[in-house]
């Protein structure tokens, strides 16, 4: 127990007590730290490249086929009629173009789609049918040659 009494505890430290002279980075240690840092940077860079490539591949695999519209000849074959509103018809029943949301006026030219018989302004539906081959409301496929 005599040994314990000879040791004194330092409660107040001085600047010399925290001397970091023993902490030295020599050439080989610095080289090792640089190599480890470079390896981490390269692995991180490769990780992000692989992640980016995988996302691109998954987009191409799962991308829906681009919609195919009708050719201009088929669009021009669709029947055009003059709109007449019936006195008993409600404005919400078919009184407006579902594409531009404008109300049909009496005597206005409207294009009737075969099969579903929905009708739209001619300019509105022509623009739609250049990129899509279905009805804007019910998505029924259009068969241009079918009788109306």
N, C-alpha and C. Protein backbone atom coordinates (compact mmCIF):
# COMPACT_ATOMS: atom_id res chain seq x y z
N UNK A 1 0.79 -1.18 0.00
CA UNK A 1 0.00 0.00 0.00
C UNK A 1 0.84 1.26 0.00
N UNK A 2 2.09 1.09 0.30
CA UNK A 2 2.99 2.23 0.31
C UNK A 2 3.18 2.80 -1.08
N UNK A 3 3.07 1.96 -2.04
CA UNK A 3 3.22 2.41 -3.41
C UNK A 3 2.11 3.38 -3.80
N UNK A 4 0.98 3.14 -3.29
CA UNK A 4 -0.18 3.96 -3.64
C UNK A 4 -0.03 5.38 -3.08
N UNK A 5 0.57 5.48 -1.93
CA UNK A 5 0.74 6.78 -1.30
C UNK A 5 1.76 7.63 -2.04
N UNK A 6 2.69 6.98 -2.73
CA UNK A 6 3.71 7.74 -3.42
C UNK A 6 3.21 8.33 -4.73
N UNK A 7 2.18 7.73 -5.28
CA UNK A 7 1.60 8.29 -6.50
C UNK A 7 0.68 9.44 -6.14
N UNK A 8 0.82 10.50 -6.86
CA UNK A 8 -0.06 11.64 -6.61
C UNK A 8 -0.98 11.83 -7.81
N UNK A 9 -2.14 12.27 -7.51
CA UNK A 9 -3.11 12.52 -8.56
C UNK A 9 -3.03 13.98 -8.97
N UNK A 10 -3.06 14.21 -10.29
CA UNK A 10 -3.03 15.57 -10.80
C UNK A 10 -4.45 15.99 -11.16
N UNK A 11 -4.98 16.88 -10.35
CA UNK A 11 -6.32 17.35 -10.64
C UNK A 11 -6.29 18.55 -11.58
N UNK A 12 -5.23 19.23 -11.61
CA UNK A 12 -5.10 20.39 -12.49
C UNK A 12 -4.01 20.07 -13.49
N UNK A 13 -4.40 20.11 -14.74
CA UNK A 13 -3.45 19.78 -15.79
C UNK A 13 -2.89 21.06 -16.40
N UNK A 14 -1.69 20.96 -16.82
CA UNK A 14 -1.06 22.10 -17.48
C UNK A 14 -0.94 21.79 -18.96
N UNK A 15 -0.54 22.79 -19.72
CA UNK A 15 -0.41 22.62 -21.17
C UNK A 15 0.63 21.57 -21.49
N UNK A 16 1.63 21.44 -20.74
CA UNK A 16 2.68 20.45 -21.00
C UNK A 16 2.19 19.04 -20.76
N UNK A 17 1.13 18.88 -19.94
CA UNK A 17 0.59 17.55 -19.70
C UNK A 17 -0.09 17.01 -20.96
N UNK A 18 -0.56 17.88 -21.83
CA UNK A 18 -1.24 17.46 -23.05
C UNK A 18 -0.34 17.57 -24.26
N UNK A 19 0.88 17.41 -24.08
CA UNK A 19 1.84 17.49 -25.18
C UNK A 19 1.59 16.34 -26.14
N UNK A 20 1.39 16.65 -27.42
CA UNK A 20 1.13 15.62 -28.40
C UNK A 20 2.38 15.28 -29.20
N UNK A 21 3.49 15.42 -28.58
CA UNK A 21 4.75 15.10 -29.24
C UNK A 21 4.86 13.62 -29.58
N UNK A 22 4.16 12.76 -28.83
CA UNK A 22 4.20 11.34 -29.11
C UNK A 22 3.30 10.95 -30.29
N UNK A 23 2.39 11.83 -30.63
CA UNK A 23 1.49 11.55 -31.74
C UNK A 23 2.11 12.11 -33.01
N UNK A 24 2.77 11.25 -33.73
CA UNK A 24 3.43 11.68 -34.96
C UNK A 24 2.96 10.79 -36.09
N UNK A 25 2.73 11.42 -37.23
CA UNK A 25 2.37 10.66 -38.42
C UNK A 25 3.61 10.60 -39.28
N UNK A 26 4.10 9.42 -39.41
CA UNK A 26 5.31 9.22 -40.22
C UNK A 26 4.90 8.91 -41.66
N UNK A 27 5.82 8.81 -42.54
CA UNK A 27 5.57 8.63 -43.96
C UNK A 27 4.74 7.41 -44.29
N UNK A 28 5.04 6.28 -43.70
CA UNK A 28 4.30 5.06 -44.01
C UNK A 28 2.86 5.13 -43.50
N UNK A 29 2.65 5.76 -42.36
CA UNK A 29 1.30 5.91 -41.82
C UNK A 29 0.48 6.85 -42.71
N UNK A 30 1.08 7.94 -43.14
CA UNK A 30 0.39 8.87 -44.02
C UNK A 30 0.03 8.21 -45.35
N UNK A 31 0.94 7.43 -45.87
CA UNK A 31 0.68 6.72 -47.12
C UNK A 31 -0.48 5.74 -46.94
N UNK A 32 -0.51 5.02 -45.83
CA UNK A 32 -1.58 4.08 -45.56
C UNK A 32 -2.93 4.80 -45.47
N UNK A 33 -2.98 5.94 -44.80
CA UNK A 33 -4.23 6.70 -44.67
C UNK A 33 -4.70 7.19 -46.03
N UNK A 34 -3.79 7.66 -46.86
CA UNK A 34 -4.15 8.12 -48.20
C UNK A 34 -4.68 6.98 -49.07
N UNK A 35 -4.06 5.81 -48.98
CA UNK A 35 -4.51 4.67 -49.77
C UNK A 35 -5.90 4.24 -49.32
N UNK A 36 -6.15 4.17 -48.03
CA UNK A 36 -7.47 3.80 -47.52
C UNK A 36 -8.52 4.82 -47.95
N UNK A 37 -8.19 6.10 -47.89
CA UNK A 37 -9.12 7.14 -48.31
C UNK A 37 -9.43 7.01 -49.80
N UNK A 38 -8.43 6.78 -50.62
CA UNK A 38 -8.65 6.63 -52.06
C UNK A 38 -9.50 5.40 -52.37
N UNK A 39 -9.28 4.32 -51.69
CA UNK A 39 -10.07 3.10 -51.89
C UNK A 39 -11.53 3.37 -51.54
N UNK A 40 -11.78 4.07 -50.44
CA UNK A 40 -13.15 4.39 -50.04
C UNK A 40 -13.81 5.28 -51.09
N UNK A 41 -13.10 6.27 -51.61
CA UNK A 41 -13.66 7.16 -52.63
C UNK A 41 -13.98 6.39 -53.90
N UNK A 42 -13.08 5.50 -54.34
CA UNK A 42 -13.31 4.73 -55.55
C UNK A 42 -14.49 3.78 -55.38
N UNK A 43 -14.61 3.12 -54.26
CA UNK A 43 -15.73 2.21 -54.01
C UNK A 43 -17.04 2.98 -53.98
N UNK A 44 -17.06 4.14 -53.35
CA UNK A 44 -18.26 4.96 -53.33
C UNK A 44 -18.65 5.40 -54.74
N UNK A 45 -17.68 5.82 -55.52
CA UNK A 45 -17.91 6.24 -56.90
C UNK A 45 -18.47 5.09 -57.72
N UNK A 46 -17.89 3.90 -57.60
CA UNK A 46 -18.38 2.73 -58.32
C UNK A 46 -19.79 2.35 -57.89
N UNK A 47 -20.08 2.48 -56.60
CA UNK A 47 -21.42 2.18 -56.10
C UNK A 47 -22.46 3.07 -56.78
N UNK A 48 -22.19 4.36 -56.86
CA UNK A 48 -23.15 5.27 -57.48
C UNK A 48 -23.28 5.03 -58.98
N UNK A 49 -22.22 4.65 -59.65
CA UNK A 49 -22.30 4.34 -61.08
C UNK A 49 -23.15 3.09 -61.30
N UNK A 50 -22.92 2.05 -60.52
CA UNK A 50 -23.69 0.82 -60.66
C UNK A 50 -25.16 1.08 -60.34
N UNK A 51 -25.43 1.86 -59.34
CA UNK A 51 -26.81 2.20 -58.98
C UNK A 51 -27.50 2.95 -60.12
N UNK A 52 -26.80 3.90 -60.73
CA UNK A 52 -27.35 4.67 -61.84
C UNK A 52 -27.64 3.78 -63.04
N UNK A 53 -26.70 2.87 -63.36
CA UNK A 53 -26.88 1.96 -64.49
C UNK A 53 -28.05 1.02 -64.24
N UNK A 54 -28.19 0.52 -63.04
CA UNK A 54 -29.32 -0.38 -62.72
C UNK A 54 -30.65 0.34 -62.86
N UNK A 55 -30.71 1.60 -62.46
CA UNK A 55 -31.96 2.36 -62.63
C UNK A 55 -32.28 2.56 -64.10
N UNK A 56 -31.27 2.84 -64.91
CA UNK A 56 -31.52 3.01 -66.34
C UNK A 56 -32.03 1.72 -66.97
N UNK A 57 -31.42 0.61 -66.60
CA UNK A 57 -31.82 -0.68 -67.16
C UNK A 57 -33.26 -1.00 -66.74
N UNK A 58 -33.61 -0.75 -65.48
CA UNK A 58 -34.96 -1.07 -65.03
C UNK A 58 -35.99 -0.16 -65.70
N UNK A 59 -35.62 1.08 -66.00
CA UNK A 59 -36.55 1.95 -66.71
C UNK A 59 -36.82 1.45 -68.11
N UNK A 60 -35.79 0.97 -68.79
CA UNK A 60 -35.97 0.48 -70.15
C UNK A 60 -36.74 -0.84 -70.18
N UNK A 61 -36.55 -1.66 -69.18
CA UNK A 61 -37.27 -2.93 -69.13
C UNK A 61 -38.74 -2.74 -68.85
N UNK A 62 -39.05 -1.84 -67.91
CA UNK A 62 -40.42 -1.68 -67.46
C UNK A 62 -41.12 -0.50 -68.11
N UNK A 63 -40.49 0.14 -69.07
CA UNK A 63 -41.13 1.28 -69.72
C UNK A 63 -42.28 0.79 -70.59
N UNK A 64 -43.43 1.40 -70.44
CA UNK A 64 -44.56 0.99 -71.28
C UNK A 64 -44.28 1.36 -72.73
N UNK A 65 -44.81 0.59 -73.65
CA UNK A 65 -44.59 0.93 -75.05
C UNK A 65 -45.19 2.30 -75.35
N UNK A 66 -44.51 3.02 -76.19
CA UNK A 66 -45.00 4.36 -76.51
C UNK A 66 -46.35 4.24 -77.23
N UNK A 67 -47.30 5.09 -76.88
CA UNK A 67 -48.62 4.99 -77.49
C UNK A 67 -48.54 5.29 -78.98
N UNK A 68 -49.31 4.54 -79.72
CA UNK A 68 -49.34 4.69 -81.17
C UNK A 68 -50.67 5.33 -81.54
N UNK A 69 -50.58 6.42 -82.26
CA UNK A 69 -51.79 7.09 -82.70
C UNK A 69 -52.25 6.57 -84.04
N UNK A 70 -53.34 7.13 -84.51
CA UNK A 70 -53.87 6.76 -85.81
C UNK A 70 -53.19 7.59 -86.90
N UNK A 71 -53.14 7.04 -88.09
CA UNK A 71 -52.55 7.81 -89.19
C UNK A 71 -53.56 8.87 -89.65
N UNK A 72 -53.08 9.93 -90.29
CA UNK A 72 -53.98 11.03 -90.70
C UNK A 72 -55.13 10.58 -91.61
N UNK A 73 -54.90 9.58 -92.44
CA UNK A 73 -55.98 9.08 -93.30
C UNK A 73 -57.10 8.46 -92.50
N UNK A 74 -56.76 7.69 -91.48
CA UNK A 74 -57.76 7.06 -90.63
C UNK A 74 -58.52 8.10 -89.82
N UNK A 75 -57.82 9.14 -89.38
CA UNK A 75 -58.48 10.19 -88.60
C UNK A 75 -59.48 10.94 -89.49
N UNK A 76 -59.11 11.18 -90.74
CA UNK A 76 -60.01 11.92 -91.63
C UNK A 76 -61.24 11.10 -92.03
N UNK A 77 -61.18 9.77 -91.89
CA UNK A 77 -62.33 8.92 -92.22
C UNK A 77 -63.42 8.93 -91.15
N UNK A 78 -63.11 9.44 -89.98
CA UNK A 78 -64.11 9.46 -88.91
C UNK A 78 -65.24 10.42 -89.29
N UNK A 79 -66.48 10.02 -89.00
CA UNK A 79 -67.62 10.86 -89.41
C UNK A 79 -67.70 12.16 -88.63
N UNK A 80 -68.08 13.23 -89.34
CA UNK A 80 -68.29 14.54 -88.74
C UNK A 80 -69.77 14.88 -88.90
N UNK A 81 -70.39 15.32 -87.80
CA UNK A 81 -71.80 15.70 -87.85
C UNK A 81 -71.95 17.11 -87.26
N UNK A 82 -73.09 17.70 -87.46
CA UNK A 82 -73.41 18.98 -86.84
C UNK A 82 -74.12 18.72 -85.51
N UNK A 83 -73.67 19.37 -84.49
CA UNK A 83 -74.25 19.16 -83.16
C UNK A 83 -75.59 19.87 -83.06
N UNK A 84 -76.54 19.16 -82.48
CA UNK A 84 -77.86 19.75 -82.19
C UNK A 84 -78.20 19.35 -80.76
N UNK A 85 -78.45 20.32 -79.96
CA UNK A 85 -78.82 20.00 -78.58
C UNK A 85 -80.32 19.79 -78.51
N UNK A 86 -80.69 18.74 -77.84
CA UNK A 86 -82.12 18.46 -77.68
C UNK A 86 -82.64 19.26 -76.49
N UNK A 87 -83.87 19.70 -76.52
CA UNK A 87 -84.39 20.51 -75.42
C UNK A 87 -84.43 19.75 -74.09
N UNK A 88 -84.58 18.43 -74.14
CA UNK A 88 -84.67 17.64 -72.91
C UNK A 88 -83.30 17.26 -72.37
N UNK A 89 -82.23 17.48 -73.17
CA UNK A 89 -80.89 17.03 -72.74
C UNK A 89 -80.34 17.95 -71.66
N UNK A 90 -79.70 17.35 -70.72
CA UNK A 90 -79.02 18.08 -69.65
C UNK A 90 -77.65 18.52 -70.16
N UNK A 91 -77.12 19.64 -69.69
CA UNK A 91 -75.82 20.14 -70.14
C UNK A 91 -74.72 19.14 -69.81
N UNK A 92 -74.86 18.40 -68.73
CA UNK A 92 -73.83 17.45 -68.32
C UNK A 92 -73.87 16.15 -69.11
N UNK A 93 -74.91 15.88 -69.87
CA UNK A 93 -75.05 14.59 -70.54
C UNK A 93 -74.10 14.41 -71.71
N UNK A 94 -73.86 15.34 -72.51
CA UNK A 94 -72.90 15.28 -73.62
C UNK A 94 -72.86 16.64 -74.26
N UNK A 95 -73.02 17.66 -73.46
CA UNK A 95 -73.07 18.99 -73.99
C UNK A 95 -71.73 19.67 -74.06
N UNK A 96 -70.67 18.98 -73.65
CA UNK A 96 -69.35 19.60 -73.71
C UNK A 96 -68.31 18.62 -74.21
N UNK A 97 -67.28 19.16 -74.81
CA UNK A 97 -66.17 18.35 -75.30
C UNK A 97 -65.33 17.93 -74.09
N UNK A 98 -65.09 16.65 -73.96
CA UNK A 98 -64.34 16.15 -72.81
C UNK A 98 -62.85 16.48 -72.90
N UNK A 99 -62.40 16.94 -74.04
CA UNK A 99 -60.98 17.27 -74.20
C UNK A 99 -60.72 18.73 -73.83
N UNK A 100 -61.47 19.65 -74.45
CA UNK A 100 -61.23 21.08 -74.18
C UNK A 100 -62.21 21.65 -73.16
N UNK A 101 -63.24 20.88 -72.79
CA UNK A 101 -64.25 21.25 -71.80
C UNK A 101 -65.12 22.43 -72.22
N UNK A 102 -65.16 22.72 -73.52
CA UNK A 102 -66.04 23.78 -74.02
C UNK A 102 -67.41 23.18 -74.34
N UNK A 103 -68.44 23.97 -74.13
CA UNK A 103 -69.82 23.52 -74.39
C UNK A 103 -70.06 23.56 -75.89
N UNK A 104 -70.70 22.50 -76.41
CA UNK A 104 -71.03 22.44 -77.84
C UNK A 104 -72.12 23.46 -78.16
N UNK A 105 -71.96 24.14 -79.26
CA UNK A 105 -72.98 25.08 -79.74
C UNK A 105 -73.77 24.40 -80.85
N UNK A 106 -75.01 24.80 -81.03
CA UNK A 106 -75.82 24.24 -82.12
C UNK A 106 -75.17 24.56 -83.46
N UNK A 107 -75.10 23.55 -84.32
CA UNK A 107 -74.52 23.72 -85.64
C UNK A 107 -73.00 23.57 -85.67
N UNK A 108 -72.40 23.28 -84.54
CA UNK A 108 -70.95 23.11 -84.49
C UNK A 108 -70.57 21.72 -84.98
N UNK A 109 -69.46 21.62 -85.72
CA UNK A 109 -69.02 20.33 -86.24
C UNK A 109 -68.37 19.52 -85.12
N UNK A 110 -68.85 18.29 -84.97
CA UNK A 110 -68.27 17.38 -83.98
C UNK A 110 -67.95 16.06 -84.66
N UNK A 111 -66.92 15.42 -84.19
CA UNK A 111 -66.49 14.14 -84.75
C UNK A 111 -66.98 13.03 -83.83
N UNK A 112 -67.60 12.02 -84.42
CA UNK A 112 -68.16 10.90 -83.67
C UNK A 112 -67.21 9.71 -83.79
N UNK A 113 -66.88 9.11 -82.65
CA UNK A 113 -66.01 7.94 -82.67
C UNK A 113 -66.84 6.69 -82.83
N UNK A 114 -66.37 5.75 -83.67
CA UNK A 114 -67.12 4.49 -83.83
C UNK A 114 -67.06 3.68 -82.53
N UNK A 115 -67.90 2.70 -82.43
CA UNK A 115 -68.03 1.80 -81.28
C UNK A 115 -68.67 2.48 -80.07
N UNK A 116 -68.04 3.48 -79.51
CA UNK A 116 -68.57 4.08 -78.28
C UNK A 116 -69.49 5.26 -78.54
N UNK A 117 -69.42 5.86 -79.72
CA UNK A 117 -70.26 6.99 -80.13
C UNK A 117 -70.09 8.24 -79.27
N UNK A 118 -68.93 8.39 -78.65
CA UNK A 118 -68.64 9.65 -77.97
C UNK A 118 -68.26 10.67 -79.04
N UNK A 119 -68.55 11.94 -78.79
CA UNK A 119 -68.22 12.93 -79.79
C UNK A 119 -67.49 14.11 -79.16
N UNK A 120 -66.64 14.74 -79.99
CA UNK A 120 -65.73 15.79 -79.55
C UNK A 120 -65.62 16.83 -80.66
N UNK A 121 -65.05 17.98 -80.32
CA UNK A 121 -64.70 18.93 -81.37
C UNK A 121 -63.71 18.24 -82.31
N UNK A 122 -63.84 18.50 -83.58
CA UNK A 122 -63.00 17.84 -84.56
C UNK A 122 -61.52 18.13 -84.32
N UNK A 123 -61.18 19.38 -84.04
CA UNK A 123 -59.77 19.74 -83.82
C UNK A 123 -59.22 19.08 -82.55
N UNK A 124 -60.03 19.02 -81.54
CA UNK A 124 -59.59 18.45 -80.26
C UNK A 124 -59.29 16.96 -80.40
N UNK A 125 -60.22 16.22 -80.98
CA UNK A 125 -60.05 14.77 -81.07
C UNK A 125 -58.99 14.41 -82.11
N UNK A 126 -58.82 15.23 -83.16
CA UNK A 126 -57.76 14.95 -84.13
C UNK A 126 -56.40 15.01 -83.47
N UNK A 127 -56.19 16.01 -82.63
CA UNK A 127 -54.90 16.13 -81.93
C UNK A 127 -54.69 14.95 -80.99
N UNK A 128 -55.75 14.52 -80.31
CA UNK A 128 -55.67 13.37 -79.41
C UNK A 128 -55.33 12.10 -80.18
N UNK A 129 -56.00 11.89 -81.32
CA UNK A 129 -55.84 10.65 -82.07
C UNK A 129 -54.51 10.55 -82.79
N UNK A 130 -53.78 11.65 -82.91
CA UNK A 130 -52.43 11.56 -83.49
C UNK A 130 -51.47 10.81 -82.56
N UNK A 131 -51.76 10.83 -81.26
CA UNK A 131 -50.88 10.15 -80.30
C UNK A 131 -51.52 8.94 -79.64
N UNK A 132 -52.85 8.86 -79.64
CA UNK A 132 -53.58 7.76 -78.99
C UNK A 132 -54.53 7.13 -80.01
N UNK A 133 -54.79 5.87 -79.85
CA UNK A 133 -55.74 5.20 -80.76
C UNK A 133 -56.95 4.70 -80.00
N UNK A 134 -57.37 5.47 -79.00
CA UNK A 134 -58.52 5.08 -78.20
C UNK A 134 -59.35 6.32 -77.88
N UNK A 135 -60.55 6.08 -77.40
CA UNK A 135 -61.45 7.16 -77.03
C UNK A 135 -60.93 7.84 -75.76
N UNK A 136 -60.93 9.16 -75.70
CA UNK A 136 -60.44 9.83 -74.49
C UNK A 136 -61.25 9.55 -73.24
N UNK A 137 -62.52 9.22 -73.38
CA UNK A 137 -63.36 8.99 -72.19
C UNK A 137 -63.32 7.53 -71.75
N UNK A 138 -63.68 6.63 -72.66
CA UNK A 138 -63.84 5.23 -72.26
C UNK A 138 -62.66 4.35 -72.66
N UNK A 139 -61.71 4.89 -73.37
CA UNK A 139 -60.49 4.17 -73.82
C UNK A 139 -60.80 2.99 -74.74
N UNK A 140 -61.95 3.01 -75.38
CA UNK A 140 -62.29 1.96 -76.34
C UNK A 140 -61.38 2.09 -77.56
N UNK A 141 -60.86 0.97 -78.03
CA UNK A 141 -60.01 0.99 -79.21
C UNK A 141 -60.84 1.39 -80.43
N UNK A 142 -60.24 2.18 -81.30
CA UNK A 142 -60.97 2.67 -82.46
C UNK A 142 -60.79 1.77 -83.65
N UNK A 143 -61.89 1.41 -84.28
CA UNK A 143 -61.88 0.69 -85.54
C UNK A 143 -62.52 1.63 -86.56
N UNK A 144 -61.70 2.27 -87.35
CA UNK A 144 -62.18 3.33 -88.23
C UNK A 144 -63.12 2.81 -89.30
N UNK A 145 -62.88 1.61 -89.80
CA UNK A 145 -63.69 1.08 -90.90
C UNK A 145 -65.04 0.55 -90.47
N UNK A 146 -65.30 0.47 -89.18
CA UNK A 146 -66.59 -0.04 -88.71
C UNK A 146 -67.67 0.98 -88.98
N UNK A 147 -68.90 0.53 -89.29
CA UNK A 147 -69.98 1.48 -89.57
C UNK A 147 -70.42 2.19 -88.31
N UNK A 148 -70.84 3.44 -88.47
CA UNK A 148 -71.27 4.24 -87.32
C UNK A 148 -72.74 3.99 -87.06
